[in-house]
Amino acid sequence: MKLAQTIESILFWKGEPVTLKQLVTMTNHSIEDVVKALEELGEQLKERGIILVNNDAEFELKTSPESSKLIESLTKEELSKDLGKASLETLAIVLYRGPANRREIEHIRGVNCQSILRSLETRGLIERVDESGRSPKYKGSMELLSMLGISSWNDMPEFETIQKELTKVVEVVITEQE
């Protein structure tokens, strides 16, 4: 497999920005080879429905500008739907456990939550914080706080009790992995 294809697979799989340094580490290639492969990938994608976005040495696959009207209408349609059970569970974990990273949320729920987190973020219900590590952490947004009519997350029903229980679940999962 060519390096450009490998990088495309990584970016697709991650679904979020990946730094040049991470790509070098993940592919075990030199920075020069990775940069060349990124340029090749960018050229290959020019006539496709996705593009390679470079934002300050972070790379991500995004929909092409030509698709913007279609994607906008699909997003509006998606946002007009009610939140499903999986989204509500994920949102509850973020609110009671947050800030929490995707790994913690997935351990509690037992399933992949990447698309749900993206949907909740798109709806303005959660926001990314503390992106200094490998995986950003998520917390409830100020907009959600306002929607719920509370002035602090501590005002949520049984906040301290549920927060302690979720902390125990995460600690048990982490202990089991070690």
N, C-alpha and C. Protein backbone atom coordinates (compact mmCIF):
# COMPACT_ATOMS: atom_id res chain seq x y z
N MET A 1 0.85 -1.18 0.00
CA MET A 1 0.00 0.00 0.00
C MET A 1 0.89 1.24 0.00
N LYS A 2 0.54 2.19 -0.83
CA LYS A 2 1.31 3.44 -0.90
C LYS A 2 1.10 4.25 0.39
N LEU A 3 2.08 5.05 0.72
CA LEU A 3 2.02 5.86 1.94
C LEU A 3 0.83 6.82 1.90
N ALA A 4 0.52 7.40 0.74
CA ALA A 4 -0.62 8.31 0.64
C ALA A 4 -1.92 7.60 1.00
N GLN A 5 -2.07 6.34 0.56
CA GLN A 5 -3.26 5.56 0.90
C GLN A 5 -3.30 5.24 2.39
N THR A 6 -2.16 4.93 2.96
CA THR A 6 -2.08 4.65 4.40
C THR A 6 -2.52 5.88 5.19
N ILE A 7 -2.02 7.04 4.81
CA ILE A 7 -2.38 8.28 5.50
C ILE A 7 -3.87 8.56 5.34
N GLU A 8 -4.40 8.33 4.14
CA GLU A 8 -5.84 8.52 3.92
C GLU A 8 -6.64 7.63 4.87
N SER A 9 -6.22 6.38 5.01
CA SER A 9 -6.90 5.45 5.91
C SER A 9 -6.85 5.93 7.35
N ILE A 10 -5.70 6.41 7.78
CA ILE A 10 -5.54 6.91 9.15
C ILE A 10 -6.46 8.11 9.38
N LEU A 11 -6.45 9.07 8.46
CA LEU A 11 -7.27 10.27 8.62
C LEU A 11 -8.76 9.93 8.62
N PHE A 12 -9.16 8.98 7.78
CA PHE A 12 -10.55 8.55 7.75
C PHE A 12 -10.92 7.88 9.07
N TRP A 13 -10.07 7.01 9.54
CA TRP A 13 -10.31 6.28 10.77
C TRP A 13 -10.40 7.21 11.98
N LYS A 14 -9.47 8.18 12.06
CA LYS A 14 -9.45 9.10 13.21
C LYS A 14 -10.68 10.01 13.22
N GLY A 15 -11.04 10.54 12.06
CA GLY A 15 -12.21 11.42 12.00
C GLY A 15 -12.02 12.74 12.72
N GLU A 16 -10.80 13.09 12.98
CA GLU A 16 -10.46 14.35 13.66
C GLU A 16 -9.06 14.75 13.22
N PRO A 17 -8.65 15.98 13.50
CA PRO A 17 -7.32 16.42 13.05
C PRO A 17 -6.19 15.54 13.61
N VAL A 18 -5.21 15.28 12.76
CA VAL A 18 -4.04 14.49 13.14
C VAL A 18 -2.81 15.33 12.80
N THR A 19 -1.90 15.45 13.75
CA THR A 19 -0.71 16.27 13.52
C THR A 19 0.28 15.56 12.62
N LEU A 20 1.14 16.33 12.02
CA LEU A 20 2.20 15.79 11.18
C LEU A 20 3.06 14.84 12.00
N LYS A 21 3.38 15.22 13.20
CA LYS A 21 4.20 14.39 14.09
C LYS A 21 3.52 13.04 14.34
N GLN A 22 2.20 13.06 14.56
CA GLN A 22 1.48 11.81 14.78
C GLN A 22 1.52 10.92 13.53
N LEU A 23 1.36 11.53 12.37
CA LEU A 23 1.41 10.76 11.12
C LEU A 23 2.78 10.12 10.93
N VAL A 24 3.84 10.85 11.25
CA VAL A 24 5.19 10.31 11.15
C VAL A 24 5.32 9.09 12.07
N THR A 25 4.84 9.23 13.29
CA THR A 25 4.91 8.13 14.27
C THR A 25 4.07 6.94 13.83
N MET A 26 2.84 7.22 13.39
CA MET A 26 1.92 6.13 13.02
C MET A 26 2.38 5.35 11.80
N THR A 27 3.03 6.02 10.87
CA THR A 27 3.43 5.36 9.63
C THR A 27 4.87 4.85 9.65
N ASN A 28 5.64 5.27 10.62
CA ASN A 28 7.06 4.90 10.70
C ASN A 28 7.83 5.33 9.46
N HIS A 29 7.50 6.51 8.96
CA HIS A 29 8.20 7.08 7.81
C HIS A 29 8.80 8.43 8.22
N SER A 30 9.71 8.91 7.42
CA SER A 30 10.34 10.20 7.71
C SER A 30 9.34 11.33 7.48
N ILE A 31 9.63 12.46 8.08
CA ILE A 31 8.77 13.63 7.91
C ILE A 31 8.70 14.05 6.44
N GLU A 32 9.82 13.92 5.74
CA GLU A 32 9.85 14.28 4.32
C GLU A 32 8.93 13.37 3.50
N ASP A 33 8.97 12.06 3.79
CA ASP A 33 8.11 11.11 3.08
C ASP A 33 6.64 11.37 3.37
N VAL A 34 6.32 11.69 4.62
CA VAL A 34 4.93 11.95 5.00
C VAL A 34 4.43 13.23 4.33
N VAL A 35 5.25 14.27 4.32
CA VAL A 35 4.86 15.52 3.66
C VAL A 35 4.61 15.28 2.17
N LYS A 36 5.49 14.53 1.54
CA LYS A 36 5.33 14.21 0.11
C LYS A 36 4.04 13.41 -0.12
N ALA A 37 3.78 12.46 0.74
CA ALA A 37 2.56 11.64 0.61
C ALA A 37 1.30 12.48 0.85
N LEU A 38 1.37 13.43 1.77
CA LEU A 38 0.24 14.34 2.01
C LEU A 38 -0.04 15.19 0.77
N GLU A 39 1.01 15.66 0.14
CA GLU A 39 0.85 16.43 -1.10
C GLU A 39 0.21 15.57 -2.18
N GLU A 40 0.67 14.34 -2.30
CA GLU A 40 0.12 13.40 -3.28
C GLU A 40 -1.36 13.12 -2.99
N LEU A 41 -1.68 12.90 -1.72
CA LEU A 41 -3.06 12.66 -1.32
C LEU A 41 -3.95 13.86 -1.64
N GLY A 42 -3.46 15.05 -1.34
CA GLY A 42 -4.21 16.27 -1.65
C GLY A 42 -4.53 16.37 -3.13
N GLU A 43 -3.58 16.02 -3.98
CA GLU A 43 -3.79 16.05 -5.43
C GLU A 43 -4.81 14.99 -5.85
N GLN A 44 -4.70 13.80 -5.29
CA GLN A 44 -5.62 12.71 -5.63
C GLN A 44 -7.06 13.04 -5.27
N LEU A 45 -7.25 13.81 -4.22
CA LEU A 45 -8.60 14.10 -3.73
C LEU A 45 -9.26 15.30 -4.42
N LYS A 46 -8.54 16.02 -5.26
CA LYS A 46 -9.06 17.24 -5.88
C LYS A 46 -10.35 17.03 -6.66
N GLU A 47 -10.51 15.90 -7.30
CA GLU A 47 -11.70 15.64 -8.12
C GLU A 47 -12.70 14.74 -7.38
N ARG A 48 -12.63 14.71 -6.07
CA ARG A 48 -13.48 13.82 -5.28
C ARG A 48 -14.39 14.64 -4.37
N GLY A 49 -15.18 13.97 -3.58
CA GLY A 49 -16.12 14.63 -2.68
C GLY A 49 -15.53 15.03 -1.35
N ILE A 50 -14.28 14.69 -1.14
CA ILE A 50 -13.59 15.09 0.09
C ILE A 50 -12.29 15.79 -0.26
N ILE A 51 -11.80 16.57 0.68
CA ILE A 51 -10.53 17.27 0.50
C ILE A 51 -9.65 17.03 1.72
N LEU A 52 -8.38 17.27 1.53
CA LEU A 52 -7.43 17.21 2.63
C LEU A 52 -7.24 18.63 3.15
N VAL A 53 -7.54 18.83 4.42
CA VAL A 53 -7.42 20.15 5.03
C VAL A 53 -6.16 20.17 5.89
N ASN A 54 -5.36 21.21 5.72
CA ASN A 54 -4.14 21.41 6.50
C ASN A 54 -4.32 22.69 7.30
N ASN A 55 -4.39 22.55 8.61
CA ASN A 55 -4.55 23.69 9.49
C ASN A 55 -3.43 23.67 10.52
N ASP A 56 -2.40 24.45 10.26
CA ASP A 56 -1.28 24.58 11.20
C ASP A 56 -0.67 23.22 11.54
N ALA A 57 -0.28 22.46 10.51
CA ALA A 57 0.37 21.15 10.63
C ALA A 57 -0.54 20.09 11.25
N GLU A 58 -1.85 20.32 11.19
CA GLU A 58 -2.83 19.29 11.53
C GLU A 58 -3.61 18.99 10.26
N PHE A 59 -3.85 17.72 10.02
CA PHE A 59 -4.49 17.31 8.77
C PHE A 59 -5.78 16.56 9.07
N GLU A 60 -6.76 16.78 8.20
CA GLU A 60 -8.06 16.14 8.39
C GLU A 60 -8.76 16.04 7.04
N LEU A 61 -9.57 15.02 6.88
CA LEU A 61 -10.40 14.88 5.69
C LEU A 61 -11.73 15.57 5.95
N LYS A 62 -12.16 16.39 4.99
CA LYS A 62 -13.42 17.13 5.10
C LYS A 62 -14.16 17.03 3.78
N THR A 63 -15.45 17.35 3.80
CA THR A 63 -16.20 17.36 2.55
C THR A 63 -15.75 18.53 1.70
N SER A 64 -15.84 18.37 0.40
CA SER A 64 -15.39 19.41 -0.53
C SER A 64 -16.34 20.61 -0.49
N PRO A 65 -15.82 21.80 -0.78
CA PRO A 65 -16.67 23.00 -0.79
C PRO A 65 -17.84 22.88 -1.77
N GLU A 66 -17.65 22.15 -2.86
CA GLU A 66 -18.73 21.96 -3.83
C GLU A 66 -19.92 21.21 -3.23
N SER A 67 -19.70 20.46 -2.19
CA SER A 67 -20.75 19.69 -1.54
C SER A 67 -21.41 20.44 -0.39
N SER A 68 -21.01 21.67 -0.15
CA SER A 68 -21.44 22.38 1.05
C SER A 68 -22.95 22.53 1.18
N LYS A 69 -23.65 22.83 0.10
CA LYS A 69 -25.10 23.00 0.18
C LYS A 69 -25.79 21.68 0.54
N LEU A 70 -25.36 20.60 -0.08
CA LEU A 70 -25.93 19.29 0.24
C LEU A 70 -25.66 18.92 1.69
N ILE A 71 -24.42 19.07 2.13
CA ILE A 71 -24.05 18.72 3.50
C ILE A 71 -24.80 19.60 4.49
N GLU A 72 -24.96 20.88 4.18
CA GLU A 72 -25.71 21.79 5.04
C GLU A 72 -27.15 21.31 5.20
N SER A 73 -27.80 20.92 4.11
CA SER A 73 -29.19 20.46 4.20
C SER A 73 -29.29 19.14 4.96
N LEU A 74 -28.32 18.24 4.76
CA LEU A 74 -28.32 16.98 5.49
C LEU A 74 -28.10 17.22 6.99
N THR A 75 -27.23 18.17 7.32
CA THR A 75 -26.98 18.51 8.72
C THR A 75 -28.23 19.09 9.36
N LYS A 76 -28.90 20.00 8.66
CA LYS A 76 -30.14 20.58 9.20
C LYS A 76 -31.18 19.50 9.44
N GLU A 77 -31.28 18.56 8.50
CA GLU A 77 -32.24 17.46 8.65
C GLU A 77 -31.89 16.62 9.88
N GLU A 78 -30.59 16.33 10.05
CA GLU A 78 -30.14 15.54 11.19
C GLU A 78 -30.42 16.27 12.51
N LEU A 79 -30.17 17.57 12.52
CA LEU A 79 -30.35 18.34 13.75
C LEU A 79 -31.82 18.51 14.11
N SER A 80 -32.71 18.36 13.14
CA SER A 80 -34.13 18.51 13.43
C SER A 80 -34.71 17.27 14.10
N LYS A 81 -33.99 16.16 14.06
CA LYS A 81 -34.44 14.93 14.69
C LYS A 81 -34.22 15.00 16.20
N ASP A 82 -35.04 14.26 16.92
CA ASP A 82 -34.84 14.15 18.36
C ASP A 82 -33.58 13.36 18.65
N LEU A 83 -33.02 13.57 19.83
CA LEU A 83 -31.86 12.79 20.24
C LEU A 83 -32.31 11.37 20.55
N GLY A 84 -31.56 10.40 20.09
CA GLY A 84 -31.87 9.00 20.37
C GLY A 84 -31.33 8.60 21.73
N LYS A 85 -31.64 7.37 22.10
CA LYS A 85 -31.20 6.84 23.40
C LYS A 85 -29.68 6.88 23.55
N ALA A 86 -28.97 6.48 22.50
CA ALA A 86 -27.50 6.46 22.56
C ALA A 86 -26.94 7.87 22.76
N SER A 87 -27.53 8.86 22.08
CA SER A 87 -27.08 10.25 22.23
C SER A 87 -27.37 10.76 23.63
N LEU A 88 -28.53 10.43 24.16
CA LEU A 88 -28.87 10.87 25.52
C LEU A 88 -27.97 10.23 26.56
N GLU A 89 -27.65 8.95 26.38
CA GLU A 89 -26.72 8.28 27.30
C GLU A 89 -25.35 8.95 27.27
N THR A 90 -24.87 9.20 26.07
CA THR A 90 -23.56 9.83 25.90
C THR A 90 -23.56 11.23 26.50
N LEU A 91 -24.62 11.99 26.26
CA LEU A 91 -24.73 13.33 26.80
C LEU A 91 -24.74 13.29 28.33
N ALA A 92 -25.47 12.35 28.91
CA ALA A 92 -25.52 12.22 30.37
C ALA A 92 -24.13 11.93 30.94
N ILE A 93 -23.39 11.05 30.26
CA ILE A 93 -22.03 10.73 30.73
C ILE A 93 -21.15 11.97 30.69
N VAL A 94 -21.23 12.72 29.59
CA VAL A 94 -20.43 13.94 29.47
C VAL A 94 -20.81 14.93 30.57
N LEU A 95 -22.09 15.06 30.84
CA LEU A 95 -22.53 16.04 31.84
C LEU A 95 -22.15 15.64 33.25
N TYR A 96 -22.31 14.37 33.58
CA TYR A 96 -22.03 13.94 34.95
C TYR A 96 -20.57 13.56 35.17
N ARG A 97 -19.88 13.16 34.13
CA ARG A 97 -18.48 12.76 34.26
C ARG A 97 -17.51 13.83 33.80
N GLY A 98 -17.99 14.71 32.91
CA GLY A 98 -17.15 15.66 32.21
C GLY A 98 -16.32 16.56 33.09
N PRO A 99 -15.26 17.09 32.53
CA PRO A 99 -14.83 16.78 31.17
C PRO A 99 -14.31 15.35 31.09
N ALA A 100 -14.72 14.68 30.00
CA ALA A 100 -14.34 13.29 29.79
C ALA A 100 -13.87 13.12 28.34
N ASN A 101 -12.87 12.26 28.16
CA ASN A 101 -12.43 12.01 26.78
C ASN A 101 -13.23 10.85 26.18
N ARG A 102 -13.09 10.69 24.89
CA ARG A 102 -13.86 9.68 24.17
C ARG A 102 -13.62 8.29 24.73
N ARG A 103 -12.40 7.99 25.10
CA ARG A 103 -12.06 6.66 25.63
C ARG A 103 -12.86 6.37 26.90
N GLU A 104 -12.92 7.35 27.81
CA GLU A 104 -13.67 7.16 29.06
C GLU A 104 -15.16 6.94 28.76
N ILE A 105 -15.70 7.74 27.86
CA ILE A 105 -17.12 7.63 27.52
C ILE A 105 -17.40 6.26 26.90
N GLU A 106 -16.52 5.82 26.01
CA GLU A 106 -16.72 4.53 25.36
C GLU A 106 -16.59 3.37 26.35
N HIS A 107 -15.74 3.51 27.35
CA HIS A 107 -15.62 2.46 28.36
C HIS A 107 -16.90 2.36 29.18
N ILE A 108 -17.48 3.49 29.49
CA ILE A 108 -18.72 3.47 30.28
C ILE A 108 -19.87 2.90 29.45
N ARG A 109 -20.00 3.34 28.20
CA ARG A 109 -21.09 2.88 27.34
C ARG A 109 -20.82 1.51 26.73
N GLY A 110 -19.55 1.18 26.52
CA GLY A 110 -19.20 -0.10 25.94
C GLY A 110 -19.26 -0.14 24.42
N VAL A 111 -19.41 1.01 23.78
CA VAL A 111 -19.47 1.08 22.32
C VAL A 111 -18.77 2.34 21.83
N ASN A 112 -18.43 2.36 20.54
CA ASN A 112 -17.81 3.52 19.92
C ASN A 112 -18.78 4.70 19.93
N CYS A 113 -18.29 5.86 20.32
CA CYS A 113 -19.15 7.04 20.46
C CYS A 113 -18.71 8.21 19.58
N GLN A 114 -17.79 7.98 18.66
CA GLN A 114 -17.24 9.07 17.86
C GLN A 114 -18.31 9.85 17.12
N SER A 115 -19.20 9.17 16.41
CA SER A 115 -20.22 9.89 15.63
C SER A 115 -21.22 10.57 16.53
N ILE A 116 -21.52 9.97 17.66
CA ILE A 116 -22.46 10.59 18.60
C ILE A 116 -21.85 11.86 19.18
N LEU A 117 -20.59 11.81 19.55
CA LEU A 117 -19.93 13.01 20.08
C LEU A 117 -19.90 14.11 19.03
N ARG A 118 -19.62 13.74 17.79
CA ARG A 118 -19.61 14.73 16.70
C ARG A 118 -21.00 15.36 16.55
N SER A 119 -22.05 14.54 16.62
CA SER A 119 -23.42 15.04 16.49
C SER A 119 -23.78 15.97 17.65
N LEU A 120 -23.42 15.58 18.86
CA LEU A 120 -23.71 16.43 20.03
C LEU A 120 -22.95 17.75 19.95
N GLU A 121 -21.71 17.68 19.44
CA GLU A 121 -20.91 18.89 19.29
C GLU A 121 -21.50 19.79 18.20
N THR A 122 -21.94 19.19 17.11
CA THR A 122 -22.56 19.95 16.02
C THR A 122 -23.83 20.64 16.50
N ARG A 123 -24.57 19.99 17.35
CA ARG A 123 -25.81 20.56 17.90
C ARG A 123 -25.54 21.65 18.94
N GLY A 124 -24.28 21.78 19.34
CA GLY A 124 -23.94 22.81 20.33
C GLY A 124 -24.23 22.37 21.76
N LEU A 125 -24.41 21.08 21.98
CA LEU A 125 -24.73 20.58 23.31
C LEU A 125 -23.48 20.30 24.14
N ILE A 126 -22.40 19.96 23.46
CA ILE A 126 -21.13 19.73 24.15
C ILE A 126 -20.04 20.51 23.41
N GLU A 127 -18.92 20.68 24.08
CA GLU A 127 -17.79 21.37 23.45
C GLU A 127 -16.50 20.69 23.88
N ARG A 128 -15.49 20.83 23.01
CA ARG A 128 -14.17 20.26 23.31
C ARG A 128 -13.43 21.19 24.25
N VAL A 129 -12.73 20.58 25.19
CA VAL A 129 -11.85 21.32 26.10
C VAL A 129 -10.58 20.50 26.25
N ASP A 130 -9.55 21.13 26.73
CA ASP A 130 -8.29 20.45 27.03
C ASP A 130 -7.87 19.53 25.89
N GLU A 131 -7.49 20.12 24.77
CA GLU A 131 -7.05 19.34 23.62
C GLU A 131 -5.53 19.14 23.63
N SER A 132 -4.91 19.29 24.79
CA SER A 132 -3.46 19.16 24.88
C SER A 132 -3.00 17.71 24.76
N GLY A 133 -3.86 16.78 25.12
CA GLY A 133 -3.49 15.37 25.05
C GLY A 133 -3.83 14.77 23.70
N ARG A 134 -3.77 13.45 23.62
CA ARG A 134 -4.07 12.75 22.37
C ARG A 134 -5.55 12.80 22.04
N SER A 135 -6.37 12.82 23.05
CA SER A 135 -7.81 12.78 22.84
C SER A 135 -8.44 13.97 23.56
N PRO A 136 -9.19 14.79 22.84
CA PRO A 136 -9.80 15.94 23.51
C PRO A 136 -10.83 15.51 24.54
N LYS A 137 -11.05 16.34 25.50
CA LYS A 137 -12.08 16.08 26.50
C LYS A 137 -13.31 16.90 26.13
N TYR A 138 -14.46 16.39 26.52
CA TYR A 138 -15.72 17.04 26.23
C TYR A 138 -16.43 17.42 27.51
N LYS A 139 -17.15 18.53 27.45
CA LYS A 139 -17.97 18.96 28.57
C LYS A 139 -19.25 19.56 27.99
N GLY A 140 -20.25 19.70 28.84
CA GLY A 140 -21.49 20.33 28.41
C GLY A 140 -21.24 21.78 28.06
N SER A 141 -21.98 22.28 27.06
CA SER A 141 -21.79 23.66 26.61
C SER A 141 -22.60 24.62 27.46
N MET A 142 -22.24 25.89 27.38
CA MET A 142 -23.00 26.93 28.06
C MET A 142 -24.42 27.00 27.50
N GLU A 143 -24.54 26.74 26.20
CA GLU A 143 -25.85 26.75 25.55
C GLU A 143 -26.76 25.67 26.17
N LEU A 144 -26.20 24.50 26.44
CA LEU A 144 -26.98 23.42 27.06
C LEU A 144 -27.36 23.80 28.48
N LEU A 145 -26.43 24.40 29.21
CA LEU A 145 -26.71 24.86 30.56
C LEU A 145 -27.92 25.78 30.55
N SER A 146 -27.94 26.69 29.60
CA SER A 146 -29.05 27.63 29.45
C SER A 146 -30.34 26.90 29.07
N MET A 147 -30.25 25.94 28.13
CA MET A 147 -31.43 25.17 27.71
C MET A 147 -32.06 24.42 28.88
N LEU A 148 -31.20 23.90 29.76
CA LEU A 148 -31.69 23.14 30.90
C LEU A 148 -32.22 24.04 32.01
N GLY A 149 -31.95 25.33 31.91
CA GLY A 149 -32.45 26.28 32.91
C GLY A 149 -31.76 26.17 34.25
N ILE A 150 -30.49 25.79 34.23
CA ILE A 150 -29.72 25.71 35.46
C ILE A 150 -28.51 26.61 35.35
N SER A 151 -27.97 27.01 36.47
CA SER A 151 -26.84 27.93 36.45
C SER A 151 -25.50 27.23 36.63
N SER A 152 -25.54 25.96 37.02
CA SER A 152 -24.31 25.20 37.24
C SER A 152 -24.61 23.72 37.03
N TRP A 153 -23.60 22.97 36.59
CA TRP A 153 -23.79 21.53 36.42
C TRP A 153 -24.09 20.87 37.74
N ASN A 154 -23.62 21.46 38.82
CA ASN A 154 -23.89 20.90 40.15
C ASN A 154 -25.38 20.94 40.49
N ASP A 155 -26.16 21.75 39.76
CA ASP A 155 -27.60 21.84 40.00
C ASP A 155 -28.38 20.69 39.35
N MET A 156 -27.70 19.83 38.62
CA MET A 156 -28.38 18.71 37.98
C MET A 156 -28.80 17.70 39.03
N PRO A 157 -29.89 16.96 38.77
CA PRO A 157 -30.39 15.99 39.75
C PRO A 157 -29.32 14.98 40.16
N GLU A 158 -29.18 14.78 41.45
CA GLU A 158 -28.26 13.81 42.03
C GLU A 158 -26.86 13.88 41.44
N PHE A 159 -26.39 15.09 41.18
CA PHE A 159 -25.12 15.31 40.50
C PHE A 159 -23.96 14.60 41.21
N GLU A 160 -23.79 14.83 42.50
CA GLU A 160 -22.63 14.26 43.20
C GLU A 160 -22.69 12.74 43.26
N THR A 161 -23.87 12.17 43.50
CA THR A 161 -24.01 10.72 43.60
C THR A 161 -23.67 10.04 42.28
N ILE A 162 -24.25 10.54 41.19
CA ILE A 162 -24.01 9.93 39.88
C ILE A 162 -22.57 10.13 39.45
N GLN A 163 -22.02 11.31 39.73
CA GLN A 163 -20.63 11.58 39.37
C GLN A 163 -19.69 10.60 40.07
N LYS A 164 -19.94 10.31 41.34
CA LYS A 164 -19.11 9.36 42.09
C LYS A 164 -19.23 7.95 41.50
N GLU A 165 -20.43 7.54 41.13
CA GLU A 165 -20.64 6.22 40.56
C GLU A 165 -19.92 6.08 39.21
N LEU A 166 -20.00 7.11 38.38
CA LEU A 166 -19.31 7.06 37.08
C LEU A 166 -17.80 7.01 37.27
N THR A 167 -17.29 7.72 38.27
CA THR A 167 -15.86 7.69 38.56
C THR A 167 -15.44 6.28 38.96
N LYS A 168 -16.27 5.59 39.75
CA LYS A 168 -15.97 4.20 40.14
C LYS A 168 -15.93 3.29 38.92
N VAL A 169 -16.88 3.46 38.00
CA VAL A 169 -16.93 2.63 36.80
C VAL A 169 -15.65 2.81 35.99
N VAL A 170 -15.23 4.05 35.80
CA VAL A 170 -14.02 4.32 35.03
C VAL A 170 -12.79 3.73 35.73
N GLU A 171 -12.71 3.85 37.05
CA GLU A 171 -11.58 3.32 37.79
C GLU A 171 -11.52 1.78 37.67
N VAL A 172 -12.68 1.12 37.71
CA VAL A 172 -12.73 -0.34 37.59
C VAL A 172 -12.25 -0.75 36.20
N VAL A 173 -12.70 -0.07 35.17
CA VAL A 173 -12.31 -0.39 33.80
C VAL A 173 -10.82 -0.21 33.61
N ILE A 174 -10.28 0.90 34.11
CA ILE A 174 -8.85 1.17 33.98
C ILE A 174 -8.04 0.12 34.74
N THR A 175 -8.50 -0.27 35.94
CA THR A 175 -7.81 -1.29 36.73
C THR A 175 -7.81 -2.62 36.01
N GLU A 176 -8.94 -2.97 35.38
CA GLU A 176 -9.04 -4.24 34.65
C GLU A 176 -8.10 -4.27 33.45
N GLN A 177 -7.83 -3.13 32.85
CA GLN A 177 -6.96 -3.07 31.67
C GLN A 177 -5.49 -3.22 32.04
N GLU A 178 -5.15 -2.88 33.24
CA GLU A 178 -3.73 -2.93 33.66
C GLU A 178 -3.29 -4.28 34.01
